[in-house]
Amino acid sequence: MNLSFFDQFASPCLLGIPLILLSLLFPTLLLPALDKRWLPNRLSALQLWLLNQITKQLMMPLDKKGHKWAMILTSLMILLLTTNLLGLLPYTFTPTTQLSMNMALAFPLWLATLLTGLRTQPSATLGHLLPEGTPTPLIPALILIETTSLLIRPLALGVRLTANLTAGHLLIQLISTATLALLPLMPTVSILTSSILLLLTILELAVAMIQAYVFVLLLSLYLQENI
């Protein structure tokens, strides 16, 4: 029983071929296709409006130098948002519950923001490792602490996204299993548990959207520090 709870996080395979790439490409089918008409249908207009709002929210913490990152950050936001939400459907696989995938997204982008700062303003970037007015005896310790906190940022991004989504999926499966087990024994308790399951599912919808936004927002803040 304990193993079955974690089977949902195993990458599905077909003839020995992992299907995680297919699950990552599937959300692109939900994006609006190119249309030659000036006035597309209502669904495309809604999608474009949502895309515009997401881009505005992500670009607010950045100045004009960071606006060249708009395409990367917005695309990452749409990828994480659609992947997290589609993973809440029954009999689906959520790639963002895999720490390896989240680290593969977090580490290169964090490294790109750090290298951007070292290339454009090396003094200011290195100056973040030592706060102004630090007493002389504390300088070596603070440099080590700030360096560690800097290097742990991509790990924190990946672990935060993985832990939140994994915990939510496990809770949903545990409560749904309890609901089915209690149905023939105690129907009243089963109905109460199913209502809790409904509220938890709504909460997980919010968590899926919030975690995607937090992941990209933190990357934009790291970028702002370095430009």
Protein backbone atom coordinates (compact mmCIF):
# COMPACT_ATOMS: atom_id res chain seq x y z
CA MET A 1 0.00 0.00 0.00
CA ASN A 2 2.81 2.42 0.86
CA LEU A 3 4.52 1.77 -2.46
CA SER A 4 1.30 2.36 -4.42
CA PHE A 5 1.05 5.88 -3.03
CA PHE A 6 4.36 6.79 -4.66
CA ASP A 7 3.79 4.95 -7.92
CA GLN A 8 2.10 8.05 -9.31
CA PHE A 9 5.45 9.88 -9.21
CA ALA A 10 7.25 7.28 -11.34
CA SER A 11 7.84 8.38 -14.91
CA PRO A 12 5.62 6.29 -17.23
CA CYS A 13 7.34 4.22 -19.90
CA LEU A 14 6.16 2.60 -23.13
CA LEU A 15 8.36 -0.16 -24.54
CA GLY A 16 11.15 1.06 -22.30
CA ILE A 17 10.87 4.64 -23.60
CA PRO A 18 10.13 7.30 -20.94
CA LEU A 19 7.04 9.35 -21.77
CA ILE A 20 8.00 12.41 -19.73
CA LEU A 21 8.92 14.31 -22.91
CA LEU A 22 5.46 13.60 -24.32
CA SER A 23 3.83 14.90 -21.14
CA LEU A 24 5.94 18.07 -21.41
CA LEU A 25 4.97 18.66 -25.04
CA PHE A 26 1.26 18.06 -24.47
CA PRO A 27 0.56 21.49 -22.84
CA THR A 28 1.69 23.18 -26.06
CA LEU A 29 -1.50 21.91 -27.68
CA LEU A 30 -3.45 24.29 -25.43
CA LEU A 31 -1.63 27.37 -26.73
CA PRO A 32 -3.35 29.47 -29.42
CA ALA A 33 -2.31 28.73 -32.98
CA LEU A 34 -1.28 31.46 -35.38
CA ASP A 35 -4.27 33.08 -37.04
CA LYS A 36 -4.32 35.47 -39.98
CA ARG A 37 -7.55 37.10 -38.85
CA TRP A 38 -7.51 40.40 -36.98
CA LEU A 39 -10.23 39.19 -34.61
CA PRO A 40 -9.65 35.59 -33.47
CA ASN A 41 -12.19 33.56 -31.56
CA ARG A 42 -13.02 34.25 -27.93
CA LEU A 43 -10.81 31.46 -26.58
CA SER A 44 -7.75 32.85 -28.37
CA ALA A 45 -8.57 36.36 -27.17
CA LEU A 46 -8.85 35.07 -23.59
CA GLN A 47 -5.53 33.24 -23.87
CA LEU A 48 -3.78 36.29 -25.27
CA TRP A 49 -5.23 38.48 -22.52
CA LEU A 50 -4.03 36.02 -19.88
CA LEU A 51 -0.59 35.90 -21.49
CA ASN A 52 -0.43 39.69 -21.47
CA GLN A 53 -1.37 39.85 -17.79
CA ILE A 54 1.24 37.23 -16.85
CA THR A 55 3.95 39.10 -18.74
CA LYS A 56 3.04 42.40 -17.06
CA GLN A 57 3.17 40.83 -13.60
CA LEU A 58 6.54 39.21 -14.24
CA MET A 59 8.12 42.32 -15.72
CA MET A 60 7.03 44.69 -12.93
CA PRO A 61 10.04 43.97 -10.63
CA LEU A 62 12.47 44.40 -13.56
CA ASP A 63 13.79 47.52 -15.20
CA LYS A 64 14.17 47.94 -18.97
CA LYS A 65 17.40 45.92 -19.08
CA GLY A 66 15.54 42.88 -17.83
CA HIS A 67 12.69 43.12 -20.33
CA LYS A 68 14.72 41.14 -22.86
CA TRP A 69 14.08 38.14 -20.58
CA ALA A 70 10.31 38.50 -21.03
CA MET A 71 10.01 35.68 -23.57
CA ILE A 72 12.00 33.20 -21.45
CA LEU A 73 10.22 33.97 -18.17
CA THR A 74 6.74 34.04 -19.69
CA SER A 75 7.32 30.77 -21.55
CA LEU A 76 8.57 29.16 -18.34
CA MET A 77 5.54 30.45 -16.46
CA ILE A 78 3.12 29.03 -19.05
CA LEU A 79 4.96 25.69 -19.07
CA LEU A 80 4.89 25.31 -15.28
CA LEU A 81 1.30 26.54 -15.00
CA THR A 82 -0.13 24.18 -17.61
CA THR A 83 1.97 21.22 -16.41
CA ASN A 84 0.95 21.70 -12.77
CA LEU A 85 -2.75 22.07 -13.60
CA LEU A 86 -2.89 19.18 -16.06
CA GLY A 87 -1.20 16.98 -13.45
CA LEU A 88 -4.28 17.31 -11.22
CA LEU A 89 -6.44 15.46 -13.74
CA PRO A 90 -7.07 11.76 -13.04
CA TYR A 91 -4.68 9.22 -14.57
CA THR A 92 -2.12 11.84 -15.53
CA PHE A 93 1.55 12.27 -14.75
CA THR A 94 2.98 15.52 -13.34
CA PRO A 95 6.57 16.08 -14.57
CA THR A 96 7.10 18.90 -12.06
CA THR A 97 6.97 16.41 -9.18
CA GLN A 98 10.38 15.19 -10.37
CA LEU A 99 13.26 16.97 -8.62
CA SER A 100 15.56 16.25 -11.55
CA MET A 101 13.34 18.18 -13.94
CA ASN A 102 12.86 21.13 -11.60
CA MET A 103 16.62 21.34 -11.00
CA ALA A 104 17.17 21.18 -14.76
CA LEU A 105 14.95 24.26 -15.06
CA ALA A 106 16.23 26.13 -12.01
CA PHE A 107 20.00 25.67 -12.22
CA PRO A 108 20.68 26.92 -15.81
CA LEU A 109 18.41 29.95 -15.39
CA TRP A 110 19.92 30.84 -12.00
CA LEU A 111 23.41 30.43 -13.45
CA ALA A 112 22.45 32.66 -16.40
CA THR A 113 21.33 35.45 -14.04
CA LEU A 114 24.56 35.10 -12.02
CA LEU A 115 26.79 35.18 -15.11
CA THR A 116 24.84 38.18 -16.40
CA GLY A 117 25.66 40.06 -13.21
CA LEU A 118 29.33 39.03 -13.28
CA ARG A 119 29.60 40.22 -16.88
CA THR A 120 27.75 43.53 -16.59
CA GLN A 121 28.52 44.64 -13.02
CA PRO A 122 31.07 42.35 -11.36
CA SER A 123 31.78 44.68 -8.43
CA ALA A 124 28.13 44.99 -7.41
CA THR A 125 27.51 41.27 -7.84
CA LEU A 126 30.46 40.31 -5.67
CA GLY A 127 29.54 43.08 -3.24
CA HIS A 128 26.35 41.19 -2.33
CA LEU A 129 28.56 38.62 -0.60
CA LEU A 130 29.60 41.16 2.04
CA PRO A 131 27.01 43.53 3.53
CA GLU A 132 28.13 47.11 4.06
CA GLY A 133 29.31 47.99 7.57
CA THR A 134 30.24 44.43 8.55
CA PRO A 135 32.67 44.24 11.52
CA THR A 136 36.12 43.03 10.48
CA PRO A 137 36.11 39.81 12.61
CA LEU A 138 32.84 38.69 11.00
CA ILE A 139 33.93 39.22 7.40
CA PRO A 140 35.17 35.63 6.69
CA ALA A 141 32.10 34.04 8.31
CA LEU A 142 29.65 36.32 6.48
CA ILE A 143 31.32 35.68 3.12
CA LEU A 144 30.94 31.94 3.65
CA ILE A 145 27.30 32.34 4.73
CA GLU A 146 26.38 34.59 1.81
CA THR A 147 28.19 32.33 -0.66
CA THR A 148 26.31 29.32 0.67
CA SER A 149 22.98 31.13 0.48
CA LEU A 150 23.80 32.16 -3.10
CA LEU A 151 24.72 28.64 -4.20
CA ILE A 152 21.69 27.07 -2.53
CA ARG A 153 19.19 29.20 -4.47
CA PRO A 154 18.64 26.79 -7.39
CA LEU A 155 18.28 23.89 -4.96
CA ALA A 156 15.68 25.84 -2.99
CA LEU A 157 13.76 26.62 -6.20
CA GLY A 158 13.65 22.99 -7.27
CA VAL A 159 12.91 21.51 -3.84
CA ARG A 160 10.15 24.05 -3.11
CA LEU A 161 8.26 23.23 -6.30
CA THR A 162 8.77 19.47 -5.94
CA ALA A 163 7.82 19.31 -2.25
CA ASN A 164 4.64 21.37 -2.57
CA LEU A 165 3.28 19.44 -5.54
CA THR A 166 4.29 16.04 -4.15
CA ALA A 167 2.68 16.76 -0.77
CA GLY A 168 -0.55 17.87 -2.42
CA HIS A 169 -0.78 14.81 -4.65
CA LEU A 170 -0.12 12.50 -1.70
CA LEU A 171 -2.80 14.17 0.41
CA ILE A 172 -5.35 13.88 -2.38
CA GLN A 173 -4.58 10.20 -2.85
CA LEU A 174 -4.67 9.45 0.88
CA ILE A 175 -8.01 11.18 1.43
CA SER A 176 -9.56 9.65 -1.70
CA THR A 177 -8.44 6.19 -0.58
CA ALA A 178 -9.94 6.80 2.87
CA THR A 179 -13.20 8.00 1.27
CA LEU A 180 -13.59 4.81 -0.77
CA ALA A 181 -12.65 2.61 2.19
CA LEU A 182 -15.17 4.29 4.51
CA LEU A 183 -18.05 4.33 2.01
CA PRO A 184 -19.46 0.83 2.78
CA LEU A 185 -18.67 1.06 6.50
CA MET A 186 -19.58 4.62 7.51
CA PRO A 187 -21.34 6.49 4.67
CA THR A 188 -21.77 9.69 6.71
CA VAL A 189 -18.06 9.91 7.49
CA SER A 190 -17.31 9.08 3.85
CA ILE A 191 -19.45 12.00 2.65
CA LEU A 192 -17.69 14.31 5.09
CA THR A 193 -14.31 13.07 3.87
CA SER A 194 -15.34 13.60 0.25
CA SER A 195 -16.21 17.23 1.04
CA ILE A 196 -12.76 17.64 2.56
CA LEU A 197 -11.34 16.10 -0.62
CA LEU A 198 -13.21 18.64 -2.74
CA LEU A 199 -11.83 21.53 -0.67
CA LEU A 200 -8.32 20.06 -0.89
CA THR A 201 -8.60 19.78 -4.66
CA ILE A 202 -9.56 23.45 -4.90
CA LEU A 203 -6.61 24.28 -2.65
CA GLU A 204 -4.29 22.25 -4.89
CA LEU A 205 -5.48 24.21 -7.92
CA ALA A 206 -4.40 27.37 -6.14
CA VAL A 207 -1.10 25.80 -5.05
CA ALA A 208 -0.34 24.71 -8.62
CA MET A 209 -0.77 28.26 -9.89
CA ILE A 210 0.98 29.93 -6.96
CA GLN A 211 4.03 27.65 -7.10
CA ALA A 212 4.48 28.29 -10.82
CA TYR A 213 4.28 32.04 -10.20
CA VAL A 214 6.66 31.91 -7.21
CA PHE A 215 9.24 29.90 -9.17
CA VAL A 216 9.37 32.44 -12.01
CA LEU A 217 9.04 35.45 -9.70
CA LEU A 218 12.08 34.41 -7.67
CA LEU A 219 14.07 33.97 -10.87
CA SER A 220 13.06 37.49 -11.95
CA LEU A 221 14.16 38.85 -8.56
CA TYR A 222 17.51 37.09 -8.89
CA LEU A 223 17.82 38.66 -12.32
CA GLN A 224 17.00 42.12 -10.98
CA GLU A 225 19.82 41.79 -8.43
CA ASN A 226 22.31 41.24 -11.23
CA ILE A 227 21.28 43.87 -13.74
